N, C-alpha and C. Protein backbone atom coordinates (compact mmCIF):
# COMPACT_ATOMS: atom_id res chain seq x y z
N MET A 1 113.10 -111.79 -1.10
CA MET A 1 112.09 -112.13 -0.52
C MET A 1 111.51 -110.64 -0.52
N LYS A 2 110.35 -110.49 -0.77
CA LYS A 2 109.49 -109.24 -0.86
C LYS A 2 108.59 -109.04 0.18
N LEU A 3 108.73 -108.00 1.00
CA LEU A 3 107.80 -107.75 2.46
C LEU A 3 106.33 -106.55 1.91
N ARG A 4 105.49 -106.99 2.35
CA ARG A 4 104.13 -106.14 2.15
C ARG A 4 103.39 -105.64 3.22
N CYS A 5 103.34 -104.46 3.79
CA CYS A 5 102.64 -104.49 5.03
C CYS A 5 101.26 -103.55 4.85
N ILE A 6 100.29 -103.83 5.32
CA ILE A 6 98.56 -103.03 4.93
C ILE A 6 98.11 -103.21 6.22
N ASP A 7 97.55 -101.99 7.07
CA ASP A 7 97.02 -102.34 8.15
C ASP A 7 97.71 -102.91 9.04
N ASN A 8 97.12 -104.16 9.54
CA ASN A 8 97.86 -104.71 10.67
C ASN A 8 97.98 -106.25 10.03
N SER A 9 98.90 -106.15 9.10
CA SER A 9 99.12 -107.50 8.31
C SER A 9 101.00 -107.12 7.73
N ILE A 10 101.37 -108.40 7.80
CA ILE A 10 102.77 -108.57 6.83
C ILE A 10 102.35 -109.85 6.34
N ARG A 11 103.08 -109.85 5.12
CA ARG A 11 102.87 -110.75 4.06
C ARG A 11 104.42 -110.84 3.50
N LEU A 12 105.25 -111.96 3.60
CA LEU A 12 106.47 -112.13 2.91
C LEU A 12 105.95 -113.05 2.05
N ARG A 13 107.08 -112.96 0.58
CA ARG A 13 106.59 -113.26 -0.75
C ARG A 13 108.01 -114.15 -0.85
N LEU A 14 108.26 -115.29 -1.06
CA LEU A 14 109.84 -115.98 -1.41
C LEU A 14 109.84 -116.57 -2.76
N LYS A 15 110.83 -116.14 -3.34
CA LYS A 15 110.89 -116.56 -4.69
C LYS A 15 111.82 -118.53 -4.66
N ARG A 16 111.45 -119.12 -5.47
CA ARG A 16 112.45 -120.51 -5.16
C ARG A 16 113.48 -120.39 -4.54
N SER A 17 114.51 -119.62 -5.33
CA SER A 17 115.61 -119.24 -4.67
C SER A 17 115.70 -118.91 -3.03
N ASP A 18 114.79 -118.26 -2.82
CA ASP A 18 114.71 -117.84 -1.26
C ASP A 18 114.15 -119.07 -0.12
N VAL A 19 113.62 -119.86 -0.96
CA VAL A 19 112.94 -120.80 -0.02
C VAL A 19 114.13 -121.97 -0.26
N ASP A 20 115.07 -122.34 -1.33
CA ASP A 20 116.07 -122.85 -1.30
C ASP A 20 116.93 -122.62 0.09
N THR A 21 117.46 -121.49 0.39
CA THR A 21 118.23 -120.86 0.65
C THR A 21 117.84 -120.59 2.25
N LEU A 22 116.74 -120.78 2.56
CA LEU A 22 115.82 -120.64 3.93
C LEU A 22 115.74 -122.23 4.46
N ALA A 23 115.65 -123.34 3.34
CA ALA A 23 115.87 -124.58 3.52
C ALA A 23 117.52 -124.88 4.27
N LYS A 24 118.14 -124.62 3.70
CA LYS A 24 119.49 -124.80 3.90
C LYS A 24 120.19 -124.09 5.17
N GLU A 25 119.99 -122.80 5.15
CA GLU A 25 120.50 -121.77 6.21
C GLU A 25 119.82 -121.54 7.17
N LYS A 26 118.37 -121.91 7.32
CA LYS A 26 117.23 -121.59 8.10
C LYS A 26 117.25 -119.86 8.29
N TYR A 27 117.61 -119.39 7.51
CA TYR A 27 117.46 -117.93 7.81
C TYR A 27 117.43 -117.03 6.42
N LEU A 28 116.59 -116.08 6.40
CA LEU A 28 116.87 -114.86 5.09
C LEU A 28 116.49 -113.55 5.81
N SER A 29 117.39 -112.64 5.31
CA SER A 29 117.38 -111.06 5.79
C SER A 29 117.46 -110.07 4.36
N ILE A 30 116.55 -109.04 4.84
CA ILE A 30 116.96 -108.01 4.06
C ILE A 30 117.06 -106.86 4.47
N SER A 31 117.61 -105.96 3.87
CA SER A 31 118.13 -104.46 4.52
C SER A 31 117.83 -103.71 3.26
N VAL A 32 116.80 -102.29 3.57
CA VAL A 32 116.75 -101.60 2.60
C VAL A 32 117.45 -99.96 3.27
N GLY A 33 118.35 -99.56 2.34
CA GLY A 33 119.25 -98.40 3.20
C GLY A 33 118.03 -97.10 2.77
N PHE A 34 118.21 -96.18 3.56
CA PHE A 34 117.56 -94.84 3.36
C PHE A 34 118.56 -94.00 3.56
N PRO A 35 118.14 -92.63 2.51
CA PRO A 35 119.49 -91.23 2.97
C PRO A 35 119.31 -91.01 4.58
N GLY A 36 120.43 -90.54 4.75
CA GLY A 36 120.85 -90.59 6.60
C GLY A 36 121.06 -91.78 7.23
N GLY A 37 121.63 -92.48 6.39
CA GLY A 37 122.00 -93.84 7.15
C GLY A 37 121.05 -94.88 7.90
N ALA A 38 119.81 -94.62 7.74
CA ALA A 38 118.45 -95.34 8.63
C ALA A 38 118.41 -96.71 7.16
N PHE A 39 118.03 -97.73 8.24
CA PHE A 39 117.89 -98.85 7.22
C PHE A 39 116.51 -99.71 7.68
N LEU A 40 115.87 -100.13 6.80
CA LEU A 40 114.40 -101.19 7.07
C LEU A 40 115.03 -102.20 7.02
N LYS A 41 115.25 -103.42 7.90
CA LYS A 41 115.78 -104.97 7.91
C LYS A 41 114.05 -105.61 8.59
N TYR A 42 114.36 -106.70 7.38
CA TYR A 42 113.53 -107.52 7.88
C TYR A 42 114.02 -108.95 7.69
N GLU A 43 113.64 -110.09 8.63
CA GLU A 43 114.06 -111.38 8.52
C GLU A 43 112.98 -112.45 8.69
N LEU A 44 113.57 -113.32 8.15
CA LEU A 44 112.50 -114.58 8.41
C LEU A 44 113.58 -115.79 8.44
N ARG A 45 113.03 -116.50 9.75
CA ARG A 45 113.87 -117.58 10.23
C ARG A 45 113.17 -118.71 10.66
N ILE A 46 113.75 -119.88 10.63
CA ILE A 46 113.39 -121.10 11.21
C ILE A 46 113.51 -121.41 12.33
N ALA A 47 112.87 -121.42 13.39
CA ALA A 47 113.38 -121.50 15.05
C ALA A 47 112.84 -122.26 15.84
N SER A 48 113.10 -122.54 17.11
CA SER A 48 112.69 -123.52 17.91
C SER A 48 111.32 -123.01 18.68
N VAL A 49 110.52 -122.80 18.03
CA VAL A 49 108.99 -121.97 18.29
C VAL A 49 107.66 -122.31 18.02
N LYS A 50 106.90 -122.48 18.83
CA LYS A 50 105.42 -123.48 18.56
C LYS A 50 104.43 -123.26 17.46
N SER A 51 104.59 -121.73 17.22
CA SER A 51 103.52 -121.38 15.97
C SER A 51 104.68 -120.45 15.46
N ILE A 52 103.73 -119.81 14.38
CA ILE A 52 104.59 -118.23 13.62
C ILE A 52 104.54 -117.63 14.58
N GLU A 53 105.67 -116.44 14.70
CA GLU A 53 105.97 -115.52 15.82
C GLU A 53 106.36 -114.06 14.68
N ALA A 54 105.90 -113.28 15.55
CA ALA A 54 106.40 -111.81 14.81
C ALA A 54 107.10 -110.87 16.01
N ILE A 55 108.22 -110.32 15.84
CA ILE A 55 108.88 -109.61 16.87
C ILE A 55 109.06 -108.34 15.75
N PHE A 56 109.29 -107.29 16.46
CA PHE A 56 109.71 -106.01 16.02
C PHE A 56 110.72 -105.63 17.00
N ASN A 57 111.95 -105.35 16.72
CA ASN A 57 112.89 -104.61 17.71
C ASN A 57 114.11 -104.39 17.23
N ASN A 58 114.10 -103.01 17.41
CA ASN A 58 115.54 -101.96 17.51
C ASN A 58 115.53 -102.26 15.55
N GLY A 59 114.27 -101.69 15.41
CA GLY A 59 113.85 -101.59 13.90
C GLY A 59 113.87 -102.82 12.64
N LEU A 60 113.98 -103.61 13.38
CA LEU A 60 113.99 -105.06 12.77
C LEU A 60 112.81 -105.98 12.88
N ILE A 61 111.87 -106.24 11.74
CA ILE A 61 110.92 -106.93 11.89
C ILE A 61 111.26 -108.47 11.43
N SER A 62 111.12 -109.05 12.31
CA SER A 62 111.64 -110.81 12.44
C SER A 62 110.38 -111.69 12.67
N ILE A 63 110.10 -112.21 11.29
CA ILE A 63 108.97 -113.67 11.41
C ILE A 63 109.72 -114.97 11.84
N ARG A 64 109.11 -115.79 12.60
CA ARG A 64 110.06 -117.01 13.03
C ARG A 64 108.80 -118.18 12.87
N LEU A 65 109.60 -118.95 12.10
CA LEU A 65 108.58 -120.50 11.81
C LEU A 65 109.23 -121.22 12.43
N PRO A 66 107.96 -121.98 13.03
CA PRO A 66 108.30 -123.50 13.60
C PRO A 66 109.10 -124.49 12.70
N GLU A 67 110.10 -124.92 13.36
CA GLU A 67 111.03 -125.89 12.19
C GLU A 67 110.10 -127.00 11.64
N ASN A 68 109.18 -127.56 12.36
CA ASN A 68 108.99 -128.92 11.55
C ASN A 68 108.01 -128.20 10.38
N LYS A 69 106.97 -127.41 10.62
CA LYS A 69 105.87 -126.76 9.88
C LYS A 69 106.78 -126.17 8.78
N ALA A 70 107.84 -125.52 8.89
CA ALA A 70 108.03 -125.05 7.97
C ALA A 70 109.29 -125.93 7.16
N MET A 71 109.90 -126.83 7.43
CA MET A 71 110.27 -127.93 6.57
C MET A 71 109.35 -128.67 5.53
N GLU A 72 108.01 -128.97 6.40
CA GLU A 72 107.01 -129.51 5.80
C GLU A 72 106.35 -128.86 4.63
N TRP A 73 106.45 -127.37 5.01
CA TRP A 73 106.03 -126.42 3.64
C TRP A 73 107.05 -126.36 2.77
N ILE A 74 108.23 -126.17 2.81
CA ILE A 74 109.05 -125.93 1.91
C ILE A 74 109.23 -126.84 1.01
N THR A 75 108.98 -128.49 1.78
CA THR A 75 108.94 -129.44 0.66
C THR A 75 107.73 -129.69 -0.08
N SER A 76 106.52 -129.33 0.25
CA SER A 76 105.30 -129.68 -0.30
C SER A 76 105.08 -128.52 -1.44
N GLU A 77 103.71 -128.90 -1.77
CA GLU A 77 102.81 -128.00 -2.81
C GLU A 77 102.30 -127.05 -2.31
N GLU A 78 102.23 -126.80 -0.73
CA GLU A 78 101.39 -125.81 -0.21
C GLU A 78 102.02 -124.55 -0.30
N VAL A 79 101.28 -123.52 -0.66
CA VAL A 79 101.54 -122.23 -1.11
C VAL A 79 101.85 -121.38 -0.01
N GLY A 80 101.02 -121.33 1.16
CA GLY A 80 101.40 -120.25 2.30
C GLY A 80 101.21 -120.90 3.80
N MET A 81 101.62 -119.99 4.38
CA MET A 81 101.42 -120.13 5.73
C MET A 81 100.91 -118.91 6.67
N ASP A 82 99.97 -119.07 7.41
CA ASP A 82 99.59 -117.83 8.22
C ASP A 82 99.29 -118.01 9.74
N LYS A 83 99.17 -116.87 10.26
CA LYS A 83 98.83 -117.05 11.65
C LYS A 83 98.05 -115.39 11.70
N GLU A 84 97.23 -115.72 12.74
CA GLU A 84 96.61 -114.22 13.69
C GLU A 84 97.27 -114.27 14.54
N ILE A 85 97.52 -113.11 15.07
CA ILE A 85 98.08 -112.70 16.50
C ILE A 85 97.43 -111.76 17.14
N GLU A 86 97.05 -112.07 18.45
CA GLU A 86 96.12 -111.11 19.02
C GLU A 86 97.35 -110.24 19.53
N LEU A 87 97.19 -108.87 19.39
CA LEU A 87 98.06 -107.91 19.93
C LEU A 87 97.32 -107.29 21.43
N PRO A 88 98.50 -106.94 22.53
CA PRO A 88 97.60 -106.27 23.75
C PRO A 88 96.41 -105.60 23.70
N ASP A 89 96.36 -104.75 22.73
CA ASP A 89 95.34 -103.83 22.74
C ASP A 89 93.76 -104.51 21.76
N GLY A 90 94.32 -105.61 21.80
CA GLY A 90 92.94 -106.40 21.10
C GLY A 90 92.73 -106.76 19.71
N GLN A 91 93.54 -105.96 18.86
CA GLN A 91 93.84 -105.98 17.72
C GLN A 91 94.43 -107.23 17.34
N ILE A 92 94.43 -107.32 15.85
CA ILE A 92 95.00 -108.58 15.27
C ILE A 92 95.97 -108.43 14.40
N LEU A 93 97.21 -109.02 14.37
CA LEU A 93 98.05 -108.86 13.65
C LEU A 93 98.27 -110.15 12.82
N SER A 94 98.15 -110.30 11.21
CA SER A 94 98.10 -111.06 10.40
C SER A 94 99.41 -111.30 9.72
N ILE A 95 99.94 -112.46 9.90
CA ILE A 95 100.97 -112.82 9.40
C ILE A 95 100.81 -113.88 8.30
N LEU A 96 101.39 -113.67 6.80
CA LEU A 96 101.24 -114.66 5.74
C LEU A 96 102.65 -114.80 5.11
N VAL A 97 103.04 -116.12 5.07
CA VAL A 97 104.32 -116.47 4.30
C VAL A 97 104.04 -117.47 3.28
N GLU A 98 104.40 -117.09 1.87
CA GLU A 98 104.26 -117.53 0.58
C GLU A 98 105.06 -117.60 0.23
N LYS A 99 104.96 -118.78 -1.18
CA LYS A 99 106.06 -119.18 -2.16
C LYS A 99 105.35 -118.28 -3.31
N ASP A 100 106.16 -117.64 -3.67
CA ASP A 100 106.06 -116.82 -4.83
C ASP A 100 106.59 -117.21 -6.26
N PHE A 101 106.14 -118.55 -6.84
CA PHE A 101 106.70 -119.14 -7.99
C PHE A 101 105.83 -118.75 -8.89
N PRO A 102 106.76 -118.64 -10.13
CA PRO A 102 105.89 -118.52 -11.63
C PRO A 102 104.99 -119.74 -11.82
N CYS A 103 103.91 -119.19 -12.55
CA CYS A 103 103.04 -120.39 -12.39
C CYS A 103 103.27 -121.25 -13.90
N LYS A 104 103.05 -122.35 -13.83
CA LYS A 104 103.34 -123.10 -14.90
C LYS A 104 102.57 -123.11 -16.15
């Protein structure tokens, strides 16, 4: 699972094996280590939420997908799921989760 952050946007791209794991485990997690013992951690979860959520807590970026929508997306030809979330200061955080499968 690849993470791309630009301005107020987060984009997660999942390989076929990532999508298969997400369907089975309902969870993906990545940790990137840095010198000095620091880590960047991000995860994608299928959860009991109404719409796509983004949470940042204790250095962890957590994107949560609603279970019914996530399972439909996993089993369909649909490439991406997205959500725009209004932030307290009026800015918008854009979330995009997409399949990154090779073209046929």
